[in-house]
Every structure is written in structure tokens, then in C-alpha cells.
Amino acid sequence: MRLYEGLIIFVPEATVEARKKHLEFFEGLVAKHGGAIRNKAEWGKKQIGYAIKKNRDGYFVVYDFDAAPAAVREIERGLLLEADVLKFMITLKIVKAIKPKKKKIKKSAAAAKPEPAAAS
């Protein structure tokens, strides 16, 4: 299982009940293919940078979910068939621990050469 992020943009005219039905369909697709929803964030109605199917606004929903790579293709195919979905994008989330960079200390030429010991 891998962690994915899915962004779904609905037509702004879609009713609350219609969006809820489509979101349940998406969640059902994820569960049907062995995945699990981790997080869901509804961003609401926002302006889109360019017109999609003659719409300048859209209703945005973002999901974080676990799924197998083969299941993502099936989920995308299911979203393509939804009429109220303007656009969607599913991307792989790579979660890595960020390690701090070590500072390299440059040694000066004087510090690199030891001074000869004085014989007393």
C-alpha cells in the first residue's frame, strides 16, 4: 500500500446531496480496492485559474488515502465516469524524514600544517 493524495474538483452548481453521493462513491471505490481513507478536507468553492468545461469556479475536495498502484487506475476510471467532476488528480505522496545537513568546516592552510616543535 502506498500513500496517495487525490484532488477532486466538482462543478460549482452541484448540490450538497449530489456532492455527498459522489464523495461516497469515491470512498467506496477506495475501500472496494483495499484502500483506506486517512484524511478528507473540503476546501469549498474556489476560483479556478482557467476555465474547465466553461466553469471558472469549482468545489474542491482533497483526500489522503492508502491504496495499491493497480487500485489507483480503477479509482481514476471511476472518477472519469462521474458527470459532476470537472477535474481530478491523484498523486503519490512520498513521506521521508528530512535529515539536517551537516556543515562542512573548511580548514585553512595554516591550520592544516602543524608547526614544527622548537627543540629546547
PDB file of N, CA and C in Angstrom:
ATOM      1  N   MET A   1       0.835  -1.177   0.000  1.00  0.00           N
ATOM      2  CA  MET A   1       0.000   0.000   0.000  1.00  0.00           C
ATOM      3  C   MET A   1       0.882   1.243   0.000  1.00  0.00           C
ATOM      4  N   ARG A   2       0.464   2.213  -0.773  1.00  0.00           N
ATOM      5  CA  ARG A   2       1.170   3.476  -0.841  1.00  0.00           C
ATOM      6  C   ARG A   2       0.229   4.599  -0.452  1.00  0.00           C
ATOM      7  N   LEU A   3       0.806   5.706  -0.063  1.00  0.00           N
ATOM      8  CA  LEU A   3       0.016   6.865   0.332  1.00  0.00           C
ATOM      9  C   LEU A   3      -0.168   7.785  -0.869  1.00  0.00           C
ATOM     10  N   TYR A   4      -1.426   8.135  -1.166  1.00  0.00           N
ATOM     11  CA  TYR A   4      -1.763   8.994  -2.291  1.00  0.00           C
ATOM     12  C   TYR A   4      -2.533  10.212  -1.805  1.00  0.00           C
ATOM     13  N   GLU A   5      -2.497  11.252  -2.633  1.00  0.00           N
ATOM     14  CA  GLU A   5      -3.316  12.436  -2.394  1.00  0.00           C
ATOM     15  C   GLU A   5      -4.180  12.624  -3.628  1.00  0.00           C
ATOM     16  N   GLY A   6      -5.477  12.781  -3.411  1.00  0.00           N
ATOM     17  CA  GLY A   6      -6.407  12.968  -4.512  1.00  0.00           C
ATOM     18  C   GLY A   6      -7.117  14.304  -4.396  1.00  0.00           C
ATOM     19  N   LEU A   7      -7.117  15.070  -5.467  1.00  0.00           N
ATOM     20  CA  LEU A   7      -7.822  16.346  -5.535  1.00  0.00           C
ATOM     21  C   LEU A   7      -8.959  16.170  -6.530  1.00  0.00           C
ATOM     22  N   ILE A   8     -10.177  16.479  -6.087  1.00  0.00           N
ATOM     23  CA  ILE A   8     -11.347  16.371  -6.952  1.00  0.00           C
ATOM     24  C   ILE A   8     -12.002  17.747  -7.014  1.00  0.00           C
ATOM     25  N   ILE A   9     -12.276  18.218  -8.236  1.00  0.00           N
ATOM     26  CA  ILE A   9     -12.954  19.497  -8.434  1.00  0.00           C
ATOM     27  C   ILE A   9     -14.328  19.206  -9.032  1.00  0.00           C
ATOM     28  N   PHE A  10     -15.364  19.605  -8.310  1.00  0.00           N
ATOM     29  CA  PHE A  10     -16.734  19.417  -8.759  1.00  0.00           C
ATOM     30  C   PHE A  10     -17.256  20.688  -9.412  1.00  0.00           C
ATOM     31  N   VAL A  11     -18.302  20.549 -10.233  1.00  0.00           N
ATOM     32  CA  VAL A  11     -18.953  21.729 -10.799  1.00  0.00           C
ATOM     33  C   VAL A  11     -19.547  22.533  -9.651  1.00  0.00           C
ATOM     34  N   PRO A  12     -19.504  23.858  -9.722  1.00  0.00           N
ATOM     35  CA  PRO A  12     -19.990  24.662  -8.600  1.00  0.00           C
ATOM     36  C   PRO A  12     -21.502  24.566  -8.400  1.00  0.00           C
ATOM     37  N   GLU A  13     -22.240  24.185  -9.433  1.00  0.00           N
ATOM     38  CA  GLU A  13     -23.690  24.093  -9.325  1.00  0.00           C
ATOM     39  C   GLU A  13     -24.165  22.799  -8.672  1.00  0.00           C
ATOM     40  N   ALA A  14     -23.274  21.860  -8.416  1.00  0.00           N
ATOM     41  CA  ALA A  14     -23.660  20.580  -7.825  1.00  0.00           C
ATOM     42  C   ALA A  14     -24.242  20.807  -6.430  1.00  0.00           C
ATOM     43  N   THR A  15     -25.344  20.145  -6.151  1.00  0.00           N
ATOM     44  CA  THR A  15     -25.981  20.291  -4.847  1.00  0.00           C
ATOM     45  C   THR A  15     -25.175  19.549  -3.788  1.00  0.00           C
ATOM     46  N   VAL A  16     -25.465  19.847  -2.548  1.00  0.00           N
ATOM     47  CA  VAL A  16     -24.766  19.193  -1.433  1.00  0.00           C
ATOM     48  C   VAL A  16     -25.019  17.692  -1.478  1.00  0.00           C
ATOM     49  N   GLU A  17     -26.246  17.299  -1.775  1.00  0.00           N
ATOM     50  CA  GLU A  17     -26.590  15.876  -1.830  1.00  0.00           C
ATOM     51  C   GLU A  17     -25.846  15.177  -2.969  1.00  0.00           C
ATOM     52  N   ALA A  18     -25.736  15.852  -4.121  1.00  0.00           N
ATOM     53  CA  ALA A  18     -25.032  15.253  -5.261  1.00  0.00           C
ATOM     54  C   ALA A  18     -23.547  15.089  -4.953  1.00  0.00           C
ATOM     55  N   ARG A  19     -22.942  16.127  -4.348  1.00  0.00           N
ATOM     56  CA  ARG A  19     -21.517  16.026  -3.983  1.00  0.00           C
ATOM     57  C   ARG A  19     -21.306  14.915  -2.969  1.00  0.00           C
ATOM     58  N   LYS A  20     -22.214  14.838  -1.993  1.00  0.00           N
ATOM     59  CA  LYS A  20     -22.093  13.801  -0.963  1.00  0.00           C
ATOM     60  C   LYS A  20     -22.170  12.419  -1.599  1.00  0.00           C
ATOM     61  N   LYS A  21     -23.059  12.263  -2.569  1.00  0.00           N
ATOM     62  CA  LYS A  21     -23.202  10.981  -3.272  1.00  0.00           C
ATOM     63  C   LYS A  21     -21.921  10.636  -4.025  1.00  0.00           C
ATOM     64  N   HIS A  22     -21.322  11.628  -4.707  1.00  0.00           N
ATOM     65  CA  HIS A  22     -20.099  11.384  -5.461  1.00  0.00           C
ATOM     66  C   HIS A  22     -18.912  11.100  -4.535  1.00  0.00           C
ATOM     67  N   LEU A  23     -18.849  11.780  -3.393  1.00  0.00           N
ATOM     68  CA  LEU A  23     -17.764  11.532  -2.450  1.00  0.00           C
ATOM     69  C   LEU A  23     -17.892  10.148  -1.815  1.00  0.00           C
ATOM     70  N   GLU A  24     -19.128   9.730  -1.525  1.00  0.00           N
ATOM     71  CA  GLU A  24     -19.332   8.373  -1.014  1.00  0.00           C
ATOM     72  C   GLU A  24     -18.942   7.343  -2.066  1.00  0.00           C
ATOM     73  N   PHE A  25     -19.212   7.650  -3.347  1.00  0.00           N
ATOM     74  CA  PHE A  25     -18.812   6.767  -4.436  1.00  0.00           C
ATOM     75  C   PHE A  25     -17.295   6.635  -4.477  1.00  0.00           C
ATOM     76  N   PHE A  26     -16.573   7.780  -4.347  1.00  0.00           N
ATOM     77  CA  PHE A  26     -15.111   7.754  -4.343  1.00  0.00           C
ATOM     78  C   PHE A  26     -14.586   6.953  -3.164  1.00  0.00           C
ATOM     79  N   GLU A  27     -15.135   7.212  -1.969  1.00  0.00           N
ATOM     80  CA  GLU A  27     -14.696   6.482  -0.780  1.00  0.00           C
ATOM     81  C   GLU A  27     -14.995   4.993  -0.910  1.00  0.00           C
ATOM     82  N   GLY A  28     -16.112   4.659  -1.542  1.00  0.00           N
ATOM     83  CA  GLY A  28     -16.453   3.262  -1.783  1.00  0.00           C
ATOM     84  C   GLY A  28     -15.481   2.605  -2.743  1.00  0.00           C
ATOM     85  N   LEU A  29     -15.054   3.346  -3.777  1.00  0.00           N
ATOM     86  CA  LEU A  29     -14.061   2.805  -4.715  1.00  0.00           C
ATOM     87  C   LEU A  29     -12.748   2.503  -4.011  1.00  0.00           C
ATOM     88  N   VAL A  30     -12.322   3.410  -3.149  1.00  0.00           N
ATOM     89  CA  VAL A  30     -11.061   3.207  -2.412  1.00  0.00           C
ATOM     90  C   VAL A  30     -11.184   1.970  -1.522  1.00  0.00           C
ATOM     91  N   ALA A  31     -12.296   1.859  -0.799  1.00  0.00           N
ATOM     92  CA  ALA A  31     -12.494   0.720   0.100  1.00  0.00           C
ATOM     93  C   ALA A  31     -12.648  -0.584  -0.685  1.00  0.00           C
ATOM     94  N   LYS A  32     -13.326  -0.527  -1.817  1.00  0.00           N
ATOM     95  CA  LYS A  32     -13.553  -1.731  -2.639  1.00  0.00           C
ATOM     96  C   LYS A  32     -12.233  -2.328  -3.124  1.00  0.00           C
ATOM     97  N   HIS A  33     -11.267  -1.477  -3.400  1.00  0.00           N
ATOM     98  CA  HIS A  33      -9.976  -1.944  -3.902  1.00  0.00           C
ATOM     99  C   HIS A  33      -8.940  -2.104  -2.798  1.00  0.00           C
ATOM    100  N   GLY A  34      -9.384  -2.190  -1.553  1.00  0.00           N
ATOM    101  CA  GLY A  34      -8.483  -2.489  -0.446  1.00  0.00           C
ATOM    102  C   GLY A  34      -7.772  -1.301   0.148  1.00  0.00           C
ATOM    103  N   GLY A  35      -8.168  -0.107  -0.187  1.00  0.00           N
ATOM    104  CA  GLY A  35      -7.521   1.091   0.344  1.00  0.00           C
ATOM    105  C   GLY A  35      -8.239   1.604   1.578  1.00  0.00           C
ATOM    106  N   ALA A  36      -7.707   2.664   2.138  1.00  0.00           N
ATOM    107  CA  ALA A  36      -8.298   3.287   3.332  1.00  0.00           C
ATOM    108  C   ALA A  36      -8.105   4.796   3.257  1.00  0.00           C
ATOM    109  N   ILE A  37      -9.147   5.533   3.591  1.00  0.00           N
ATOM    110  CA  ILE A  37      -9.086   6.991   3.618  1.00  0.00           C
ATOM    111  C   ILE A  37      -8.405   7.421   4.918  1.00  0.00           C
ATOM    112  N   ARG A  38      -7.386   8.252   4.814  1.00  0.00           N
ATOM    113  CA  ARG A  38      -6.695   8.762   6.004  1.00  0.00           C
ATOM    114  C   ARG A  38      -7.194  10.137   6.415  1.00  0.00           C
ATOM    115  N   ASN A  39      -7.441  10.986   5.420  1.00  0.00           N
ATOM    116  CA  ASN A  39      -7.827  12.365   5.721  1.00  0.00           C
ATOM    117  C   ASN A  39      -8.689  12.896   4.584  1.00  0.00           C
ATOM    118  N   LYS A  40      -9.650  13.729   4.938  1.00  0.00           N
ATOM    119  CA  LYS A  40     -10.525  14.366   3.946  1.00  0.00           C
ATOM    120  C   LYS A  40     -10.647  15.838   4.311  1.00  0.00           C
ATOM    121  N   ALA A  41     -10.391  16.713   3.346  1.00  0.00           N
ATOM    122  CA  ALA A  41     -10.502  18.154   3.577  1.00  0.00           C
ATOM    123  C   ALA A  41     -11.331  18.760   2.455  1.00  0.00           C
ATOM    124  N   GLU A  42     -12.449  19.369   2.825  1.00  0.00           N
ATOM    125  CA  GLU A  42     -13.272  20.058   1.842  1.00  0.00           C
ATOM    126  C   GLU A  42     -12.867  21.520   1.843  1.00  0.00           C
ATOM    127  N   TRP A  43     -12.279  21.972   0.758  1.00  0.00           N
ATOM    128  CA  TRP A  43     -11.817  23.347   0.646  1.00  0.00           C
ATOM    129  C   TRP A  43     -12.948  24.294   0.261  1.00  0.00           C
ATOM    130  N   GLY A  44     -14.007  23.749  -0.277  1.00  0.00           N
ATOM    131  CA  GLY A  44     -15.145  24.579  -0.651  1.00  0.00           C
ATOM    132  C   GLY A  44     -15.020  25.145  -2.056  1.00  0.00           C
ATOM    133  N   LYS A  45     -15.855  26.127  -2.328  1.00  0.00           N
ATOM    134  CA  LYS A  45     -15.911  26.733  -3.656  1.00  0.00           C
ATOM    135  C   LYS A  45     -14.770  27.739  -3.805  1.00  0.00           C
ATOM    136  N   LYS A  46     -13.988  27.568  -4.868  1.00  0.00           N
ATOM    137  CA  LYS A  46     -12.850  28.444  -5.137  1.00  0.00           C
ATOM    138  C   LYS A  46     -12.803  28.755  -6.633  1.00  0.00           C
ATOM    139  N   GLN A  47     -12.135  29.835  -6.945  1.00  0.00           N
ATOM    140  CA  GLN A  47     -11.964  30.212  -8.339  1.00  0.00           C
ATOM    141  C   GLN A  47     -10.827  29.395  -8.939  1.00  0.00           C
ATOM    142  N   ILE A  48     -11.031  28.975 -10.187  1.00  0.00           N
ATOM    143  CA  ILE A  48     -10.025  28.198 -10.906  1.00  0.00           C
ATOM    144  C   ILE A  48      -9.243  29.162 -11.787  1.00  0.00           C
ATOM    145  N   GLY A  49      -7.996  28.908 -12.003  1.00  0.00           N
ATOM    146  CA  GLY A  49      -7.144  29.795 -12.790  1.00  0.00           C
ATOM    147  C   GLY A  49      -7.518  29.877 -14.257  1.00  0.00           C
ATOM    148  N   TYR A  50      -8.184  28.861 -14.771  1.00  0.00           N
ATOM    149  CA  TYR A  50      -8.591  28.843 -16.174  1.00  0.00           C
ATOM    150  C   TYR A  50      -9.921  28.100 -16.266  1.00  0.00           C
ATOM    151  N   ALA A  51     -10.645  28.317 -17.320  1.00  0.00           N
ATOM    152  CA  ALA A  51     -11.965  27.708 -17.473  1.00  0.00           C
ATOM    153  C   ALA A  51     -11.830  26.213 -17.783  1.00  0.00           C
ATOM    154  N   ILE A  52     -12.598  25.415 -17.069  1.00  0.00           N
ATOM    155  CA  ILE A  52     -12.677  23.980 -17.319  1.00  0.00           C
ATOM    156  C   ILE A  52     -14.134  23.688 -17.650  1.00  0.00           C
ATOM    157  N   LYS A  53     -14.381  23.232 -18.868  1.00  0.00           N
ATOM    158  CA  LYS A  53     -15.747  22.964 -19.343  1.00  0.00           C
ATOM    159  C   LYS A  53     -16.639  24.184 -19.115  1.00  0.00           C
ATOM    160  N   LYS A  54     -16.108  25.352 -19.430  1.00  0.00           N
ATOM    161  CA  LYS A  54     -16.800  26.646 -19.325  1.00  0.00           C
ATOM    162  C   LYS A  54     -17.123  27.045 -17.877  1.00  0.00           C
ATOM    163  N   ASN A  55     -16.438  26.494 -16.912  1.00  0.00           N
ATOM    164  CA  ASN A  55     -16.619  26.854 -15.494  1.00  0.00           C
ATOM    165  C   ASN A  55     -15.372  27.559 -14.992  1.00  0.00           C
ATOM    166  N   ARG A  56     -15.548  28.702 -14.348  1.00  0.00           N
ATOM    167  CA  ARG A  56     -14.443  29.447 -13.762  1.00  0.00           C
ATOM    168  C   ARG A  56     -14.312  29.180 -12.267  1.00  0.00           C
ATOM    169  N   ASP A  57     -15.297  28.505 -11.661  1.00  0.00           N
ATOM    170  CA  ASP A  57     -15.275  28.152 -10.240  1.00  0.00           C
ATOM    171  C   ASP A  57     -15.420  26.645 -10.115  1.00  0.00           C
ATOM    172  N   GLY A  58     -15.036  26.137  -8.957  1.00  0.00           N
ATOM    173  CA  GLY A  58     -15.199  24.725  -8.682  1.00  0.00           C
ATOM    174  C   GLY A  58     -15.235  24.474  -7.190  1.00  0.00           C
ATOM    175  N   TYR A  59     -15.767  23.332  -6.814  1.00  0.00           N
ATOM    176  CA  TYR A  59     -15.817  22.928  -5.408  1.00  0.00           C
ATOM    177  C   TYR A  59     -14.706  21.903  -5.204  1.00  0.00           C
ATOM    178  N   PHE A  60     -13.741  22.225  -4.341  1.00  0.00           N
ATOM    179  CA  PHE A  60     -12.535  21.417  -4.168  1.00  0.00           C
ATOM    180  C   PHE A  60     -12.638  20.502  -2.953  1.00  0.00           C
ATOM    181  N   VAL A  61     -12.208  19.251  -3.135  1.00  0.00           N
ATOM    182  CA  VAL A  61     -12.112  18.282  -2.041  1.00  0.00           C
ATOM    183  C   VAL A  61     -10.770  17.566  -2.185  1.00  0.00           C
ATOM    184  N   VAL A  62     -10.035  17.441  -1.069  1.00  0.00           N
ATOM    185  CA  VAL A  62      -8.729  16.789  -1.074  1.00  0.00           C
ATOM    186  C   VAL A  62      -8.762  15.588  -0.140  1.00  0.00           C
ATOM    187  N   TYR A  63      -8.255  14.462  -0.621  1.00  0.00           N
ATOM    188  CA  TYR A  63      -8.192  13.224   0.155  1.00  0.00           C
ATOM    189  C   TYR A  63      -6.748  12.771   0.289  1.00  0.00           C
ATOM    190  N   ASP A  64      -6.416  12.187   1.426  1.00  0.00           N
ATOM    191  CA  ASP A  64      -5.201  11.398   1.606  1.00  0.00           C
ATOM    192  C   ASP A  64      -5.678   9.975   1.837  1.00  0.00           C
ATOM    193  N   PHE A  65      -5.161   9.032   1.038  1.00  0.00           N
ATOM    194  CA  PHE A  65      -5.625   7.655   1.176  1.00  0.00           C
ATOM    195  C   PHE A  65      -4.522   6.672   0.835  1.00  0.00           C
ATOM    196  N   ASP A  66      -4.666   5.472   1.377  1.00  0.00           N
ATOM    197  CA  ASP A  66      -3.756   4.368   1.075  1.00  0.00           C
ATOM    198  C   ASP A  66      -4.408   3.498   0.014  1.00  0.00           C
ATOM    199  N   ALA A  67      -3.620   3.040  -0.947  1.00  0.00           N
ATOM    200  CA  ALA A  67      -4.141   2.139  -1.978  1.00  0.00           C
ATOM    201  C   ALA A  67      -2.974   1.481  -2.695  1.00  0.00           C
ATOM    202  N   ALA A  68      -3.291   0.402  -3.375  1.00  0.00           N
ATOM    203  CA  ALA A  68      -2.306  -0.266  -4.219  1.00  0.00           C
ATOM    204  C   ALA A  68      -2.241   0.476  -5.556  1.00  0.00           C
ATOM    205  N   PRO A  69      -1.106   0.431  -6.249  1.00  0.00           N
ATOM    206  CA  PRO A  69      -0.998   1.133  -7.529  1.00  0.00           C
ATOM    207  C   PRO A  69      -2.042   0.693  -8.567  1.00  0.00           C
ATOM    208  N   ALA A  70      -2.383  -0.563  -8.597  1.00  0.00           N
ATOM    209  CA  ALA A  70      -3.393  -1.040  -9.545  1.00  0.00           C
ATOM    210  C   ALA A  70      -4.775  -0.488  -9.193  1.00  0.00           C
ATOM    211  N   ALA A  71      -5.027  -0.278  -7.924  1.00  0.00           N
ATOM    212  CA  ALA A  71      -6.320   0.247  -7.490  1.00  0.00           C
ATOM    213  C   ALA A  71      -6.493   1.699  -7.907  1.00  0.00           C
ATOM    214  N   VAL A  72      -5.403   2.452  -7.986  1.00  0.00           N
ATOM    215  CA  VAL A  72      -5.491   3.864  -8.367  1.00  0.00           C
ATOM    216  C   VAL A  72      -6.009   4.001  -9.794  1.00  0.00           C
ATOM    217  N   ARG A  73      -5.596   3.113 -10.670  1.00  0.00           N
ATOM    218  CA  ARG A  73      -6.100   3.146 -12.053  1.00  0.00           C
ATOM    219  C   ARG A  73      -7.602   2.920 -12.089  1.00  0.00           C
ATOM    220  N   GLU A  74      -8.094   2.006 -11.269  1.00  0.00           N
ATOM    221  CA  GLU A  74      -9.535   1.745 -11.217  1.00  0.00           C
ATOM    222  C   GLU A  74     -10.293   2.923 -10.608  1.00  0.00           C
ATOM    223  N   ILE A  75      -9.715   3.563  -9.613  1.00  0.00           N
ATOM    224  CA  ILE A  75     -10.339   4.733  -8.992  1.00  0.00           C
ATOM    225  C   ILE A  75     -10.418   5.874 -10.004  1.00  0.00           C
ATOM    226  N   GLU A  76      -9.342   6.083 -10.774  1.00  0.00           N
ATOM    227  CA  GLU A  76      -9.345   7.126 -11.795  1.00  0.00           C
ATOM    228  C   GLU A  76     -10.389   6.838 -12.871  1.00  0.00           C
ATOM    229  N   ARG A  77     -10.525   5.585 -13.252  1.00  0.00           N
ATOM    230  CA  ARG A  77     -11.529   5.221 -14.255  1.00  0.00           C
ATOM    231  C   ARG A  77     -12.937   5.512 -13.735  1.00  0.00           C
ATOM    232  N   GLY A  78     -13.176   5.240 -12.463  1.00  0.00           N
ATOM    233  CA  GLY A  78     -14.478   5.538 -11.875  1.00  0.00           C
ATOM    234  C   GLY A  78     -14.767   7.027 -11.822  1.00  0.00           C
ATOM    235  N   LEU A  79     -13.746   7.838 -11.531  1.00  0.00           N
ATOM    236  CA  LEU A  79     -13.932   9.284 -11.483  1.00  0.00           C
ATOM    237  C   LEU A  79     -14.167   9.881 -12.868  1.00  0.00           C
ATOM    238  N   LEU A  80     -13.600   9.271 -13.892  1.00  0.00           N
ATOM    239  CA  LEU A  80     -13.832   9.751 -15.255  1.00  0.00           C
ATOM    240  C   LEU A  80     -15.305   9.639 -15.652  1.00  0.00           C
ATOM    241  N   LEU A  81     -16.013   8.680 -15.086  1.00  0.00           N
ATOM    242  CA  LEU A  81     -17.413   8.453 -15.439  1.00  0.00           C
ATOM    243  C   LEU A  81     -18.376   9.368 -14.690  1.00  0.00           C
ATOM    244  N   GLU A  82     -17.895  10.063 -13.666  1.00  0.00           N
ATOM    245  CA  GLU A  82     -18.760  10.944 -12.885  1.00  0.00           C
ATOM    246  C   GLU A  82     -19.032  12.232 -13.660  1.00  0.00           C
ATOM    247  N   ALA A  83     -20.306  12.602 -13.785  1.00  0.00           N
ATOM    248  CA  ALA A  83     -20.694  13.776 -14.574  1.00  0.00           C
ATOM    249  C   ALA A  83     -20.364  15.090 -13.873  1.00  0.00           C
ATOM    250  N   ASP A  84     -20.462  15.151 -12.561  1.00  0.00           N
ATOM    251  CA  ASP A  84     -20.256  16.404 -11.832  1.00  0.00           C
ATOM    252  C   ASP A  84     -18.791  16.685 -11.519  1.00  0.00           C
ATOM    253  N   VAL A  85     -17.882  15.811 -11.912  1.00  0.00           N
ATOM    254  CA  VAL A  85     -16.459  16.011 -11.653  1.00  0.00           C
ATOM    255  C   VAL A  85     -15.857  16.776 -12.826  1.00  0.00           C
ATOM    256  N   LEU A  86     -15.362  17.991 -12.545  1.00  0.00           N
ATOM    257  CA  LEU A  86     -14.704  18.777 -13.592  1.00  0.00           C
ATOM    258  C   LEU A  86     -13.323  18.224 -13.895  1.00  0.00           C
ATOM    259  N   LYS A  87     -12.560  18.008 -12.845  1.00  0.00           N
ATOM    260  CA  LYS A  87     -11.181  17.566 -12.986  1.00  0.00           C
ATOM    261  C   LYS A  87     -10.765  16.859 -11.705  1.00  0.00           C
ATOM    262  N   PHE A  88      -9.808  15.970 -11.817  1.00  0.00           N
ATOM    263  CA  PHE A  88      -9.258  15.303 -10.637  1.00  0.00           C
ATOM    264  C   PHE A  88      -7.799  15.001 -10.897  1.00  0.00           C
ATOM    265  N   MET A  89      -7.068  14.825  -9.816  1.00  0.00           N
ATOM    266  CA  MET A  89      -5.665  14.468  -9.916  1.00  0.00           C
ATOM    267  C   MET A  89      -5.302  13.622  -8.703  1.00  0.00           C
ATOM    268  N   ILE A  90      -4.686  12.491  -8.943  1.00  0.00           N
ATOM    269  CA  ILE A  90      -4.218  11.621  -7.866  1.00  0.00           C
ATOM    270  C   ILE A  90      -2.705  11.519  -7.995  1.00  0.00           C
ATOM    271  N   THR A  91      -2.015  11.865  -6.910  1.00  0.00           N
ATOM    272  CA  THR A  91      -0.553  11.840  -6.920  1.00  0.00           C
ATOM    273  C   THR A  91      -0.033  11.004  -5.762  1.00  0.00           C
ATOM    274  N   LEU A  92       1.117  10.430  -5.958  1.00  0.00           N
ATOM    275  CA  LEU A  92       1.788   9.645  -4.928  1.00  0.00           C
ATOM    276  C   LEU A  92       2.447  10.598  -3.947  1.00  0.00           C
ATOM    277  N   LYS A  93       2.187  10.389  -2.663  1.00  0.00           N
ATOM    278  CA  LYS A  93       2.825  11.200  -1.623  1.00  0.00           C
ATOM    279  C   LYS A  93       4.043  10.441  -1.120  1.00  0.00           C
ATOM    280  N   ILE A  94       5.179  11.069  -1.191  1.00  0.00           N
ATOM    281  CA  ILE A  94       6.407  10.454  -0.705  1.00  0.00           C
ATOM    282  C   ILE A  94       6.713  11.087   0.641  1.00  0.00           C
ATOM    283  N   VAL A  95       6.699  10.262   1.664  1.00  0.00           N
ATOM    284  CA  VAL A  95       6.937  10.749   3.018  1.00  0.00           C
ATOM    285  C   VAL A  95       8.321  10.282   3.439  1.00  0.00           C
ATOM    286  N   LYS A  96       9.216  11.239   3.593  1.00  0.00           N
ATOM    287  CA  LYS A  96      10.584  10.934   4.015  1.00  0.00           C
ATOM    288  C   LYS A  96      10.923  11.803   5.208  1.00  0.00           C
ATOM    289  N   ALA A  97      11.748  11.271   6.058  1.00  0.00           N
ATOM    290  CA  ALA A  97      12.253  12.076   7.174  1.00  0.00           C
ATOM    291  C   ALA A  97      13.339  12.989   6.626  1.00  0.00           C
ATOM    292  N   ILE A  98      13.260  14.236   6.953  1.00  0.00           N
ATOM    293  CA  ILE A  98      14.246  15.191   6.477  1.00  0.00           C
ATOM    294  C   ILE A  98      15.399  15.232   7.472  1.00  0.00           C
ATOM    295  N   LYS A  99      16.570  14.963   6.965  1.00  0.00           N
ATOM    296  CA  LYS A  99      17.758  14.972   7.813  1.00  0.00           C
ATOM    297  C   LYS A  99      18.434  16.332   7.691  1.00  0.00           C
ATOM    298  N   PRO A 100      18.886  16.865   8.813  1.00  0.00           N
ATOM    299  CA  PRO A 100      19.582  18.155   8.722  1.00  0.00           C
ATOM    300  C   PRO A 100      20.919  17.984   8.003  1.00  0.00           C
ATOM    301  N   LYS A 101      21.269  18.988   7.223  1.00  0.00           N
ATOM    302  CA  LYS A 101      22.541  18.931   6.505  1.00  0.00           C
ATOM    303  C   LYS A 101      23.680  19.237   7.466  1.00  0.00           C
ATOM    304  N   LYS A 102      24.759  18.506   7.298  1.00  0.00           N
ATOM    305  CA  LYS A 102      25.942  18.742   8.125  1.00  0.00           C
ATOM    306  C   LYS A 102      26.764  19.856   7.496  1.00  0.00           C
ATOM    307  N   LYS A 103      27.231  20.740   8.339  1.00  0.00           N
ATOM    308  CA  LYS A 103      28.078  21.819   7.852  1.00  0.00           C
ATOM    309  C   LYS A 103      29.492  21.288   7.673  1.00  0.00           C
ATOM    310  N   LYS A 104      30.044  21.595   6.524  1.00  0.00           N
ATOM    311  CA  LYS A 104      31.430  21.220   6.289  1.00  0.00           C
ATOM    312  C   LYS A 104      32.306  22.398   6.697  1.00  0.00           C
ATOM    313  N   ILE A 105      33.260  22.098   7.532  1.00  0.00           N
ATOM    314  CA  ILE A 105      34.166  23.135   8.014  1.00  0.00           C
ATOM    315  C   ILE A 105      35.415  23.094   7.158  1.00  0.00           C
ATOM    316  N   LYS A 106      35.693  24.219   6.519  1.00  0.00           N
ATOM    317  CA  LYS A 106      36.894  24.304   5.697  1.00  0.00           C
ATOM    318  C   LYS A 106      38.072  24.634   6.593  1.00  0.00           C
ATOM    319  N   LYS A 107      39.104  23.873   6.413  1.00  0.00           N
ATOM    320  CA  LYS A 107      40.312  24.116   7.194  1.00  0.00           C
ATOM    321  C   LYS A 107      41.215  25.042   6.394  1.00  0.00           C
ATOM    322  N   SER A 108      41.744  26.024   7.051  1.00  0.00           N
ATOM    323  CA  SER A 108      42.665  26.938   6.372  1.00  0.00           C
ATOM    324  C   SER A 108      44.016  26.258   6.215  1.00  0.00           C
ATOM    325  N   ALA A 109      44.808  26.792   5.338  1.00  0.00           N
ATOM    326  CA  ALA A 109      46.120  26.200   5.066  1.00  0.00           C
ATOM    327  C   ALA A 109      47.018  26.262   6.303  1.00  0.00           C
ATOM    328  N   ALA A 110      46.903  27.316   7.093  1.00  0.00           N
ATOM    329  CA  ALA A 110      47.733  27.454   8.294  1.00  0.00           C
ATOM    330  C   ALA A 110      47.318  26.432   9.355  1.00  0.00           C
ATOM    331  N   ALA A 111      46.053  26.164   9.447  1.00  0.00           N
ATOM    332  CA  ALA A 111      45.582  25.219  10.454  1.00  0.00           C
ATOM    333  C   ALA A 111      45.857  23.785  10.032  1.00  0.00           C
ATOM    334  N   ALA A 112      45.973  23.541   8.741  1.00  0.00           N
ATOM    335  CA  ALA A 112      46.185  22.191   8.252  1.00  0.00           C
ATOM    336  C   ALA A 112      47.617  21.719   8.492  1.00  0.00           C
ATOM    337  N   LYS A 113      48.609  22.652   8.428  1.00  0.00           N
ATOM    338  CA  LYS A 113      50.006  22.265   8.609  1.00  0.00           C
ATOM    339  C   LYS A 113      50.400  22.478  10.062  1.00  0.00           C
ATOM    340  N   PRO A 114      50.897  21.410  10.705  1.00  0.00           N
ATOM    341  CA  PRO A 114      51.349  21.593  12.085  1.00  0.00           C
ATOM    342  C   PRO A 114      52.681  22.352  12.080  1.00  0.00           C
ATOM    343  N   GLU A 115      52.865  23.199  13.085  1.00  0.00           N
ATOM    344  CA  GLU A 115      54.102  23.959  13.191  1.00  0.00           C
ATOM    345  C   GLU A 115      55.174  23.044  13.788  1.00  0.00           C
ATOM    346  N   PRO A 116      56.422  23.219  13.319  1.00  0.00           N
ATOM    347  CA  PRO A 116      57.496  22.373  13.871  1.00  0.00           C
ATOM    348  C   PRO A 116      57.759  22.728  15.328  1.00  0.00           C
ATOM    349  N   ALA A 117      57.987  21.706  16.122  1.00  0.00           N
ATOM    350  CA  ALA A 117      58.236  21.939  17.542  1.00  0.00           C
ATOM    351  C   ALA A 117      59.628  22.491  17.742  1.00  0.00           C
ATOM    352  N   ALA A 118      59.736  23.449  18.615  1.00  0.00           N
ATOM    353  CA  ALA A 118      61.033  24.068  18.883  1.00  0.00           C
ATOM    354  C   ALA A 118      61.818  23.141  19.814  1.00  0.00           C
ATOM    355  N   ALA A 119      63.080  22.849  19.445  1.00  0.00           N
ATOM    356  CA  ALA A 119      63.914  21.992  20.256  1.00  0.00           C
ATOM    357  C   ALA A 119      64.576  22.808  21.352  1.00  0.00           C
ATOM    358  N   SER A 120      64.317  22.453  22.555  1.00  0.00           N
ATOM    359  CA  SER A 120      64.959  23.172  23.642  1.00  0.00           C
ATOM    360  C   SER A 120      65.835  22.244  24.410  1.00  0.00           C
TER     361      SER A 120
END
